[in-house]
Amino acid sequence: MNYSKYFVIFIINFIISILILYKITQLALKWVDIYTKHGSYVVVPDLRDFNLTQSISILKKLGLKYDIDTSRYDPNFKINRILSFSPEAGNHVKEGRHIYIQVNSKSSQSILPDIINKDKRMAIKLLHANHISVKEIKYINDMDKDIILKVLYKKKSILFGYRFPTNTNQEGITLIIGKGYEKNNFIVPNVVGMNLYSAIYTLKKQFFHVINFYYDHPIKNPEKNAKVYRQKPDPGVIHDKNKSIELWVTSKEILDHLIQIEEKDSQKKTEKIQIEEINTKKQTEEKEQIESN
């Protein structure tokens, strides 16, 4: 059998197949170039000095498409002024590419994000992201240091989700933030109603060692028989442990008597209110009856 003849035929067919494949590849690449406009690009113009109408006109002339974002308002720029765009100026893009334009719009509304009980730095980042300016930061005594406790707008407290009036948010908001404990500051406990011994023990346990107390009259065995009826500073106040706590004490009998008097006064007030409500109800019923007749 003449194997050399078949081998030659195989080689010829193989070469022909390679040539055909090469030609098909060339044609395919040429078609891709035509379809994708290979080598054809447009330079993105700088739109920062133009308004929306001018920018759209420029993009159309260059064969570029556009998407418009009107979610932001900046009082430092004119209405319909271009605030930003992407891709940036100078970038090479294909014809028909979408350019994303952010326009200064009156119709935008800023919404207060959830910043209560959040750290100051994180809260301010969230506010800036929502285009809300901070006019003032006030620190108050609170155990949570640098934590947002309250948000004020036009001197009124506002909550998460509040929508700022359009075109007025440049006034800014006020943040109320916890000052946290200073080195010697602690919360004053409530010792009103305790006997003097328990009150002193409770205060010392909370690191308050300078305690002054005053009797409204002499009392035998005051630590057990005397009770606190007033204290300064008030319970819950943050106070320097090295400063004094003032206590006013009286005998248990007198304090109990005062409590009874207060309870009786409170009961009398309640009864008076109830009687007035009954009388008012009767008068209303009588008036309705007369009108119906």
C-alpha atoms as a PDB file:
ATOM      1  CA  MET A   1       0.000   0.000   0.000  1.00  0.00           C
ATOM      2  CA  ASN A   2       1.288   3.460  -0.967  1.00  0.00           C
ATOM      3  CA  TYR A   3       1.213   5.292   2.422  1.00  0.00           C
ATOM      4  CA  SER A   4       3.181   8.260   1.145  1.00  0.00           C
ATOM      5  CA  LYS A   5       0.329   9.200  -1.215  1.00  0.00           C
ATOM      6  CA  TYR A   6      -2.195   9.316   1.693  1.00  0.00           C
ATOM      7  CA  PHE A   7       0.209  11.266   3.844  1.00  0.00           C
ATOM      8  CA  VAL A   8       0.638  13.930   1.149  1.00  0.00           C
ATOM      9  CA  ILE A   9      -3.161  14.190   0.760  1.00  0.00           C
ATOM     10  CA  PHE A  10      -3.538  14.564   4.577  1.00  0.00           C
ATOM     11  CA  ILE A  11      -0.918  17.348   4.699  1.00  0.00           C
ATOM     12  CA  ILE A  12      -2.612  19.224   1.819  1.00  0.00           C
ATOM     13  CA  ASN A  13      -6.047  18.992   3.527  1.00  0.00           C
ATOM     14  CA  PHE A  14      -4.574  20.120   6.840  1.00  0.00           C
ATOM     15  CA  ILE A  15      -2.962  23.201   5.234  1.00  0.00           C
ATOM     16  CA  ILE A  16      -6.212  24.056   3.439  1.00  0.00           C
ATOM     17  CA  SER A  17      -8.133  23.767   6.771  1.00  0.00           C
ATOM     18  CA  ILE A  18      -5.688  26.135   8.484  1.00  0.00           C
ATOM     19  CA  LEU A  19      -6.019  28.666   5.640  1.00  0.00           C
ATOM     20  CA  ILE A  20      -9.828  28.519   5.805  1.00  0.00           C
ATOM     21  CA  LEU A  21      -9.797  28.936   9.621  1.00  0.00           C
ATOM     22  CA  TYR A  22      -7.413  31.893   9.313  1.00  0.00           C
ATOM     23  CA  LYS A  23      -9.670  33.567   6.760  1.00  0.00           C
ATOM     24  CA  ILE A  24     -12.775  33.010   8.946  1.00  0.00           C
ATOM     25  CA  THR A  25     -10.947  34.494  11.963  1.00  0.00           C
ATOM     26  CA  GLN A  26      -9.966  37.575   9.933  1.00  0.00           C
ATOM     27  CA  LEU A  27     -13.549  38.082   8.780  1.00  0.00           C
ATOM     28  CA  ALA A  28     -14.884  37.662  12.356  1.00  0.00           C
ATOM     29  CA  LEU A  29     -12.421  40.189  13.791  1.00  0.00           C
ATOM     30  CA  LYS A  30     -13.285  42.658  11.046  1.00  0.00           C
ATOM     31  CA  TRP A  31     -16.997  42.265  11.852  1.00  0.00           C
ATOM     32  CA  VAL A  32     -16.339  42.811  15.590  1.00  0.00           C
ATOM     33  CA  ASP A  33     -14.367  45.981  14.823  1.00  0.00           C
ATOM     34  CA  ILE A  34     -17.251  47.308  12.738  1.00  0.00           C
ATOM     35  CA  TYR A  35     -19.886  46.337  15.343  1.00  0.00           C
ATOM     36  CA  THR A  36     -18.004  47.773  18.365  1.00  0.00           C
ATOM     37  CA  LYS A  37     -16.519  50.731  16.468  1.00  0.00           C
ATOM     38  CA  HIS A  38     -13.036  49.619  17.481  1.00  0.00           C
ATOM     39  CA  GLY A  39     -10.575  52.492  17.466  1.00  0.00           C
ATOM     40  CA  SER A  40     -13.432  55.022  17.428  1.00  0.00           C
ATOM     41  CA  TYR A  41     -13.877  56.958  20.710  1.00  0.00           C
ATOM     42  CA  VAL A  42     -15.117  60.247  22.114  1.00  0.00           C
ATOM     43  CA  VAL A  43     -13.362  62.416  24.716  1.00  0.00           C
ATOM     44  CA  VAL A  44     -15.673  63.247  27.656  1.00  0.00           C
ATOM     45  CA  PRO A  45     -16.022  67.069  27.845  1.00  0.00           C
ATOM     46  CA  ASP A  46     -15.714  69.118  31.046  1.00  0.00           C
ATOM     47  CA  LEU A  47     -19.299  69.994  32.001  1.00  0.00           C
ATOM     48  CA  ARG A  48     -18.620  71.724  35.325  1.00  0.00           C
ATOM     49  CA  ASP A  49     -19.095  75.258  33.995  1.00  0.00           C
ATOM     50  CA  PHE A  50     -22.354  74.481  32.174  1.00  0.00           C
ATOM     51  CA  ASN A  51     -25.993  74.173  33.147  1.00  0.00           C
ATOM     52  CA  LEU A  52     -28.139  71.131  32.362  1.00  0.00           C
ATOM     53  CA  THR A  53     -29.491  72.377  29.009  1.00  0.00           C
ATOM     54  CA  GLN A  54     -26.028  73.273  27.706  1.00  0.00           C
ATOM     55  CA  SER A  55     -24.577  69.949  28.886  1.00  0.00           C
ATOM     56  CA  ILE A  56     -27.279  67.889  27.153  1.00  0.00           C
ATOM     57  CA  SER A  57     -26.681  69.798  23.926  1.00  0.00           C
ATOM     58  CA  ILE A  58     -22.916  69.140  24.071  1.00  0.00           C
ATOM     59  CA  LEU A  59     -23.360  65.424  24.808  1.00  0.00           C
ATOM     60  CA  LYS A  60     -25.857  64.980  21.945  1.00  0.00           C
ATOM     61  CA  LYS A  61     -23.443  66.604  19.457  1.00  0.00           C
ATOM     62  CA  LEU A  62     -20.730  64.146  20.567  1.00  0.00           C
ATOM     63  CA  GLY A  63     -23.067  61.158  20.169  1.00  0.00           C
ATOM     64  CA  LEU A  64     -23.157  60.454  23.916  1.00  0.00           C
ATOM     65  CA  LYS A  65     -26.199  59.517  25.987  1.00  0.00           C
ATOM     66  CA  TYR A  66     -26.886  60.750  29.512  1.00  0.00           C
ATOM     67  CA  ASP A  67     -28.566  59.914  32.835  1.00  0.00           C
ATOM     68  CA  ILE A  68     -29.579  62.759  35.149  1.00  0.00           C
ATOM     69  CA  ASP A  69     -29.488  62.677  38.978  1.00  0.00           C
ATOM     70  CA  THR A  70     -31.521  65.435  40.716  1.00  0.00           C
ATOM     71  CA  SER A  71     -31.211  64.119  44.289  1.00  0.00           C
ATOM     72  CA  ARG A  72     -28.826  66.829  45.526  1.00  0.00           C
ATOM     73  CA  TYR A  73     -29.108  70.512  46.305  1.00  0.00           C
ATOM     74  CA  ASP A  74     -26.129  72.766  47.109  1.00  0.00           C
ATOM     75  CA  PRO A  75     -26.978  76.393  47.971  1.00  0.00           C
ATOM     76  CA  ASN A  76     -23.494  77.481  46.856  1.00  0.00           C
ATOM     77  CA  PHE A  77     -24.341  76.727  43.202  1.00  0.00           C
ATOM     78  CA  LYS A  78     -27.048  77.959  40.841  1.00  0.00           C
ATOM     79  CA  ILE A  79     -30.060  75.793  40.093  1.00  0.00           C
ATOM     80  CA  ASN A  80     -29.499  73.295  37.212  1.00  0.00           C
ATOM     81  CA  ARG A  81     -25.726  73.745  37.461  1.00  0.00           C
ATOM     82  CA  ILE A  82     -23.703  70.542  36.932  1.00  0.00           C
ATOM     83  CA  LEU A  83     -22.282  69.421  40.292  1.00  0.00           C
ATOM     84  CA  SER A  84     -20.473  66.287  39.086  1.00  0.00           C
ATOM     85  CA  PHE A  85     -20.411  63.792  36.217  1.00  0.00           C
ATOM     86  CA  SER A  86     -18.993  60.355  35.440  1.00  0.00           C
ATOM     87  CA  PRO A  87     -16.826  59.299  33.601  1.00  0.00           C
ATOM     88  CA  GLU A  88     -14.672  62.350  34.319  1.00  0.00           C
ATOM     89  CA  ALA A  89     -13.556  64.936  31.771  1.00  0.00           C
ATOM     90  CA  GLY A  90     -10.792  63.730  29.440  1.00  0.00           C
ATOM     91  CA  ASN A  91     -11.725  60.041  29.574  1.00  0.00           C
ATOM     92  CA  HIS A  92     -12.023  58.179  26.253  1.00  0.00           C
ATOM     93  CA  VAL A  93     -15.398  56.475  25.817  1.00  0.00           C
ATOM     94  CA  LYS A  94     -17.192  54.870  22.900  1.00  0.00           C
ATOM     95  CA  GLU A  95     -19.881  56.727  21.034  1.00  0.00           C
ATOM     96  CA  GLY A  96     -23.288  56.072  22.593  1.00  0.00           C
ATOM     97  CA  ARG A  97     -21.846  55.714  26.111  1.00  0.00           C
ATOM     98  CA  HIS A  98     -24.024  56.943  29.011  1.00  0.00           C
ATOM     99  CA  ILE A  99     -22.673  59.904  31.019  1.00  0.00           C
ATOM    100  CA  TYR A 100     -24.086  60.194  34.551  1.00  0.00           C
ATOM    101  CA  ILE A 101     -24.781  63.828  35.471  1.00  0.00           C
ATOM    102  CA  GLN A 102     -25.572  65.137  38.972  1.00  0.00           C
ATOM    103  CA  VAL A 103     -27.525  68.391  38.753  1.00  0.00           C
ATOM    104  CA  ASN A 104     -28.135  71.022  41.442  1.00  0.00           C
ATOM    105  CA  SER A 105     -31.883  70.675  41.882  1.00  0.00           C
ATOM    106  CA  LYS A 106     -34.455  72.493  44.021  1.00  0.00           C
ATOM    107  CA  SER A 107     -36.684  69.456  44.011  1.00  0.00           C
ATOM    108  CA  SER A 108     -34.289  67.408  46.155  1.00  0.00           C
ATOM    109  CA  GLN A 109     -35.085  66.801  49.834  1.00  0.00           C
ATOM    110  CA  SER A 110     -32.614  65.717  52.494  1.00  0.00           C
ATOM    111  CA  ILE A 111     -33.797  63.108  55.008  1.00  0.00           C
ATOM    112  CA  LEU A 112     -32.304  62.762  58.494  1.00  0.00           C
ATOM    113  CA  PRO A 113     -30.549  59.377  58.782  1.00  0.00           C
ATOM    114  CA  ASP A 114     -30.684  57.247  61.945  1.00  0.00           C
ATOM    115  CA  ILE A 115     -27.858  58.801  64.009  1.00  0.00           C
ATOM    116  CA  ILE A 116     -29.279  58.718  67.551  1.00  0.00           C
ATOM    117  CA  ASN A 117     -27.028  56.643  69.864  1.00  0.00           C
ATOM    118  CA  LYS A 118     -24.332  56.527  67.173  1.00  0.00           C
ATOM    119  CA  ASP A 119     -20.729  57.676  67.512  1.00  0.00           C
ATOM    120  CA  LYS A 120     -20.104  61.334  66.569  1.00  0.00           C
ATOM    121  CA  ARG A 121     -17.709  60.558  63.679  1.00  0.00           C
ATOM    122  CA  MET A 122     -20.020  57.998  62.078  1.00  0.00           C
ATOM    123  CA  ALA A 123     -23.019  60.317  62.510  1.00  0.00           C
ATOM    124  CA  ILE A 124     -21.278  63.250  60.817  1.00  0.00           C
ATOM    125  CA  LYS A 125     -20.250  61.004  57.888  1.00  0.00           C
ATOM    126  CA  LEU A 126     -23.883  59.919  57.464  1.00  0.00           C
ATOM    127  CA  LEU A 127     -25.045  63.543  57.598  1.00  0.00           C
ATOM    128  CA  HIS A 128     -22.525  64.642  54.957  1.00  0.00           C
ATOM    129  CA  ALA A 129     -23.547  61.718  52.741  1.00  0.00           C
ATOM    130  CA  ASN A 130     -27.141  62.989  52.954  1.00  0.00           C
ATOM    131  CA  HIS A 131     -26.047  66.612  52.294  1.00  0.00           C
ATOM    132  CA  ILE A 132     -27.088  67.816  55.759  1.00  0.00           C
ATOM    133  CA  SER A 133     -24.871  70.485  57.305  1.00  0.00           C
ATOM    134  CA  VAL A 134     -24.058  70.702  61.025  1.00  0.00           C
ATOM    135  CA  LYS A 135     -24.405  74.237  62.381  1.00  0.00           C
ATOM    136  CA  GLU A 136     -23.456  73.568  65.997  1.00  0.00           C
ATOM    137  CA  ILE A 137     -22.372  70.796  68.379  1.00  0.00           C
ATOM    138  CA  LYS A 138     -23.359  71.016  72.054  1.00  0.00           C
ATOM    139  CA  TYR A 139     -21.926  68.749  74.729  1.00  0.00           C
ATOM    140  CA  ILE A 140     -23.915  67.851  77.834  1.00  0.00           C
ATOM    141  CA  ASN A 141     -23.214  65.727  80.903  1.00  0.00           C
ATOM    142  CA  ASP A 142     -23.977  62.145  80.003  1.00  0.00           C
ATOM    143  CA  MET A 143     -22.247  58.849  80.654  1.00  0.00           C
ATOM    144  CA  ASP A 144     -22.030  58.069  76.895  1.00  0.00           C
ATOM    145  CA  LYS A 145     -19.065  59.992  75.533  1.00  0.00           C
ATOM    146  CA  ASP A 146     -19.241  61.306  71.921  1.00  0.00           C
ATOM    147  CA  ILE A 147     -22.648  59.656  71.373  1.00  0.00           C
ATOM    148  CA  ILE A 148     -25.485  61.512  69.607  1.00  0.00           C
ATOM    149  CA  LEU A 149     -28.307  62.030  72.113  1.00  0.00           C
ATOM    150  CA  LYS A 150     -30.564  64.468  70.259  1.00  0.00           C
ATOM    151  CA  VAL A 151     -30.816  66.400  66.977  1.00  0.00           C
ATOM    152  CA  LEU A 152     -32.234  69.937  66.854  1.00  0.00           C
ATOM    153  CA  TYR A 153     -33.437  71.842  63.804  1.00  0.00           C
ATOM    154  CA  LYS A 154     -34.645  75.416  64.286  1.00  0.00           C
ATOM    155  CA  LYS A 155     -34.419  74.774  68.069  1.00  0.00           C
ATOM    156  CA  LYS A 156     -36.852  71.838  67.843  1.00  0.00           C
ATOM    157  CA  SER A 157     -36.012  68.172  68.342  1.00  0.00           C
ATOM    158  CA  ILE A 158     -36.275  66.059  65.169  1.00  0.00           C
ATOM    159  CA  LEU A 159     -36.175  62.290  64.703  1.00  0.00           C
ATOM    160  CA  PHE A 160     -34.944  59.751  62.155  1.00  0.00           C
ATOM    161  CA  GLY A 161     -36.757  60.139  58.817  1.00  0.00           C
ATOM    162  CA  TYR A 162     -37.422  63.879  59.173  1.00  0.00           C
ATOM    163  CA  ARG A 163     -37.638  65.517  55.723  1.00  0.00           C
ATOM    164  CA  PHE A 164     -35.991  68.914  55.580  1.00  0.00           C
ATOM    165  CA  PRO A 165     -37.927  71.611  53.715  1.00  0.00           C
ATOM    166  CA  THR A 166     -36.642  72.111  50.182  1.00  0.00           C
ATOM    167  CA  ASN A 167     -34.008  74.806  49.751  1.00  0.00           C
ATOM    168  CA  THR A 168     -33.784  75.606  53.507  1.00  0.00           C
ATOM    169  CA  ASN A 169     -31.367  73.013  54.877  1.00  0.00           C
ATOM    170  CA  GLN A 170     -28.440  75.424  54.593  1.00  0.00           C
ATOM    171  CA  GLU A 171     -29.441  76.598  58.102  1.00  0.00           C
ATOM    172  CA  GLY A 172     -27.881  73.423  59.472  1.00  0.00           C
ATOM    173  CA  ILE A 173     -28.717  71.278  62.486  1.00  0.00           C
ATOM    174  CA  THR A 174     -27.513  71.171  66.094  1.00  0.00           C
ATOM    175  CA  LEU A 175     -26.158  67.933  67.558  1.00  0.00           C
ATOM    176  CA  ILE A 176     -26.516  67.232  71.282  1.00  0.00           C
ATOM    177  CA  ILE A 177     -23.652  64.918  72.265  1.00  0.00           C
ATOM    178  CA  GLY A 178     -22.698  63.222  75.529  1.00  0.00           C
ATOM    179  CA  LYS A 179     -19.644  64.612  77.286  1.00  0.00           C
ATOM    180  CA  GLY A 180     -18.881  61.341  79.079  1.00  0.00           C
ATOM    181  CA  TYR A 181     -17.326  60.935  82.469  1.00  0.00           C
ATOM    182  CA  GLU A 182     -14.396  63.099  83.371  1.00  0.00           C
ATOM    183  CA  LYS A 183     -11.735  61.681  85.650  1.00  0.00           C
ATOM    184  CA  ASN A 184     -13.468  62.454  88.970  1.00  0.00           C
ATOM    185  CA  ASN A 185     -17.094  62.671  87.837  1.00  0.00           C
ATOM    186  CA  PHE A 186     -19.744  60.192  88.939  1.00  0.00           C
ATOM    187  CA  ILE A 187     -23.536  60.009  89.013  1.00  0.00           C
ATOM    188  CA  VAL A 188     -25.088  61.124  92.300  1.00  0.00           C
ATOM    189  CA  PRO A 189     -27.337  58.360  93.709  1.00  0.00           C
ATOM    190  CA  ASN A 190     -30.784  59.013  95.170  1.00  0.00           C
ATOM    191  CA  VAL A 191     -30.623  58.885  98.995  1.00  0.00           C
ATOM    192  CA  VAL A 192     -33.836  60.775  99.795  1.00  0.00           C
ATOM    193  CA  GLY A 193     -35.927  58.740 102.245  1.00  0.00           C
ATOM    194  CA  MET A 194     -32.940  56.746 103.548  1.00  0.00           C
ATOM    195  CA  ASN A 195     -31.769  56.966 107.119  1.00  0.00           C
ATOM    196  CA  LEU A 196     -28.563  58.920 107.522  1.00  0.00           C
ATOM    197  CA  TYR A 197     -26.377  55.848 107.992  1.00  0.00           C
ATOM    198  CA  SER A 198     -27.643  54.198 104.757  1.00  0.00           C
ATOM    199  CA  ALA A 199     -27.369  57.470 102.845  1.00  0.00           C
ATOM    200  CA  ILE A 200     -23.728  58.010 103.867  1.00  0.00           C
ATOM    201  CA  TYR A 201     -22.876  54.386 103.075  1.00  0.00           C
ATOM    202  CA  THR A 202     -24.519  54.646  99.614  1.00  0.00           C
ATOM    203  CA  LEU A 203     -22.709  57.881  98.762  1.00  0.00           C
ATOM    204  CA  LYS A 204     -19.319  56.598  99.882  1.00  0.00           C
ATOM    205  CA  LYS A 205     -19.837  53.451  97.882  1.00  0.00           C
ATOM    206  CA  GLN A 206     -20.199  55.730  94.830  1.00  0.00           C
ATOM    207  CA  PHE A 207     -16.874  57.471  95.769  1.00  0.00           C
ATOM    208  CA  PHE A 208     -18.460  60.589  97.290  1.00  0.00           C
ATOM    209  CA  HIS A 209     -16.587  61.100 100.559  1.00  0.00           C
ATOM    210  CA  VAL A 210     -17.264  64.782 101.327  1.00  0.00           C
ATOM    211  CA  ILE A 211     -20.739  64.712 102.863  1.00  0.00           C
ATOM    212  CA  ASN A 212     -22.300  67.585 104.782  1.00  0.00           C
ATOM    213  CA  PHE A 213     -25.625  67.081 106.557  1.00  0.00           C
ATOM    214  CA  TYR A 214     -27.900  69.484 108.390  1.00  0.00           C
ATOM    215  CA  TYR A 215     -30.530  68.796 111.086  1.00  0.00           C
ATOM    216  CA  ASP A 216     -33.751  70.762 111.231  1.00  0.00           C
ATOM    217  CA  HIS A 217     -33.786  69.987 115.012  1.00  0.00           C
ATOM    218  CA  PRO A 218     -31.690  67.912 117.442  1.00  0.00           C
ATOM    219  CA  ILE A 219     -32.159  64.133 117.042  1.00  0.00           C
ATOM    220  CA  LYS A 220     -31.050  61.329 119.324  1.00  0.00           C
ATOM    221  CA  ASN A 221     -28.949  58.674 117.585  1.00  0.00           C
ATOM    222  CA  PRO A 222     -29.228  60.524 114.225  1.00  0.00           C
ATOM    223  CA  GLU A 223     -27.557  57.883 112.061  1.00  0.00           C
ATOM    224  CA  LYS A 224     -30.490  55.516 112.648  1.00  0.00           C
ATOM    225  CA  ASN A 225     -33.357  57.826 113.611  1.00  0.00           C
ATOM    226  CA  ALA A 226     -32.724  60.642 111.119  1.00  0.00           C
ATOM    227  CA  LYS A 227     -33.922  60.437 107.516  1.00  0.00           C
ATOM    228  CA  VAL A 228     -32.869  62.404 104.454  1.00  0.00           C
ATOM    229  CA  TYR A 229     -35.640  64.564 103.010  1.00  0.00           C
ATOM    230  CA  ARG A 230     -33.553  66.668 100.616  1.00  0.00           C
ATOM    231  CA  GLN A 231     -30.200  66.386  98.836  1.00  0.00           C
ATOM    232  CA  LYS A 232     -27.998  68.556  96.672  1.00  0.00           C
ATOM    233  CA  PRO A 233     -27.000  67.883  93.898  1.00  0.00           C
ATOM    234  CA  ASP A 234     -30.165  66.153  92.777  1.00  0.00           C
ATOM    235  CA  PRO A 235     -30.153  62.408  92.029  1.00  0.00           C
ATOM    236  CA  GLY A 236     -28.785  61.493  88.589  1.00  0.00           C
ATOM    237  CA  VAL A 237     -26.567  64.572  88.260  1.00  0.00           C
ATOM    238  CA  ILE A 238     -22.925  64.025  87.279  1.00  0.00           C
ATOM    239  CA  HIS A 239     -20.820  65.469  90.090  1.00  0.00           C
ATOM    240  CA  ASP A 240     -17.151  65.742  91.020  1.00  0.00           C
ATOM    241  CA  LYS A 241     -16.408  63.162  93.733  1.00  0.00           C
ATOM    242  CA  ASN A 242     -14.093  65.657  95.496  1.00  0.00           C
ATOM    243  CA  LYS A 243     -16.900  68.185  95.922  1.00  0.00           C
ATOM    244  CA  SER A 244     -19.371  67.969  98.770  1.00  0.00           C
ATOM    245  CA  ILE A 245     -22.808  66.386  98.828  1.00  0.00           C
ATOM    246  CA  GLU A 246     -25.322  68.314 100.963  1.00  0.00           C
ATOM    247  CA  LEU A 247     -27.993  66.397 102.905  1.00  0.00           C
ATOM    248  CA  TRP A 248     -30.892  67.755 104.948  1.00  0.00           C
ATOM    249  CA  VAL A 249     -32.222  65.360 107.598  1.00  0.00           C
ATOM    250  CA  THR A 250     -35.114  65.191 109.999  1.00  0.00           C
ATOM    251  CA  SER A 251     -36.478  62.619 112.430  1.00  0.00           C
ATOM    252  CA  LYS A 252     -38.306  59.587 111.088  1.00  0.00           C
ATOM    253  CA  GLU A 253     -41.512  60.645 112.876  1.00  0.00           C
ATOM    254  CA  ILE A 254     -41.515  64.115 111.358  1.00  0.00           C
ATOM    255  CA  LEU A 255     -40.724  62.785 107.887  1.00  0.00           C
ATOM    256  CA  ASP A 256     -43.492  60.197 108.131  1.00  0.00           C
ATOM    257  CA  HIS A 257     -45.849  62.946 109.315  1.00  0.00           C
ATOM    258  CA  LEU A 258     -44.875  65.161 106.375  1.00  0.00           C
ATOM    259  CA  ILE A 259     -45.411  62.259 103.977  1.00  0.00           C
ATOM    260  CA  GLN A 260     -48.870  61.625 105.461  1.00  0.00           C
ATOM    261  CA  ILE A 261     -49.782  65.298 105.091  1.00  0.00           C
ATOM    262  CA  GLU A 262     -48.592  65.263 101.471  1.00  0.00           C
ATOM    263  CA  GLU A 263     -50.575  62.095 100.761  1.00  0.00           C
ATOM    264  CA  LYS A 264     -53.715  63.600 102.339  1.00  0.00           C
ATOM    265  CA  ASP A 265     -53.300  66.782 100.302  1.00  0.00           C
ATOM    266  CA  SER A 266     -52.882  64.710  97.173  1.00  0.00           C
ATOM    267  CA  GLN A 267     -55.980  62.661  98.015  1.00  0.00           C
ATOM    268  CA  LYS A 268     -58.015  65.809  98.620  1.00  0.00           C
ATOM    269  CA  LYS A 269     -56.932  67.232  95.267  1.00  0.00           C
ATOM    270  CA  THR A 270     -57.916  63.985  93.547  1.00  0.00           C
ATOM    271  CA  GLU A 271     -61.344  63.968  95.257  1.00  0.00           C
ATOM    272  CA  LYS A 272     -61.880  67.615  94.305  1.00  0.00           C
ATOM    273  CA  ILE A 273     -61.092  66.868  90.660  1.00  0.00           C
ATOM    274  CA  GLN A 274     -63.463  63.878  90.689  1.00  0.00           C
ATOM    275  CA  ILE A 275     -66.290  65.998  92.188  1.00  0.00           C
ATOM    276  CA  GLU A 276     -65.728  68.689  89.554  1.00  0.00           C
ATOM    277  CA  GLU A 277     -65.850  66.071  86.783  1.00  0.00           C
ATOM    278  CA  ILE A 278     -69.133  64.654  88.178  1.00  0.00           C
ATOM    279  CA  ASN A 279     -70.679  68.133  88.399  1.00  0.00           C
ATOM    280  CA  THR A 280     -69.559  68.966  84.869  1.00  0.00           C
ATOM    281  CA  LYS A 281     -71.044  65.710  83.584  1.00  0.00           C
ATOM    282  CA  LYS A 282     -74.368  66.425  85.329  1.00  0.00           C
ATOM    283  CA  GLN A 283     -74.521  69.950  83.916  1.00  0.00           C
ATOM    284  CA  THR A 284     -73.821  68.613  80.423  1.00  0.00           C
ATOM    285  CA  GLU A 285     -76.558  65.972  80.733  1.00  0.00           C
ATOM    286  CA  GLU A 286     -79.070  68.536  82.038  1.00  0.00           C
ATOM    287  CA  LYS A 287     -78.241  70.911  79.178  1.00  0.00           C
ATOM    288  CA  GLU A 288     -78.657  68.131  76.591  1.00  0.00           C
ATOM    289  CA  GLN A 289     -81.986  67.159  78.153  1.00  0.00           C
ATOM    290  CA  ILE A 290     -83.267  70.749  78.025  1.00  0.00           C
ATOM    291  CA  GLU A 291     -82.179  71.132  74.398  1.00  0.00           C
ATOM    292  CA  SER A 292     -83.879  67.838  73.417  1.00  0.00           C
ATOM    293  CA  ASN A 293     -87.171  69.012  74.999  1.00  0.00           C
END
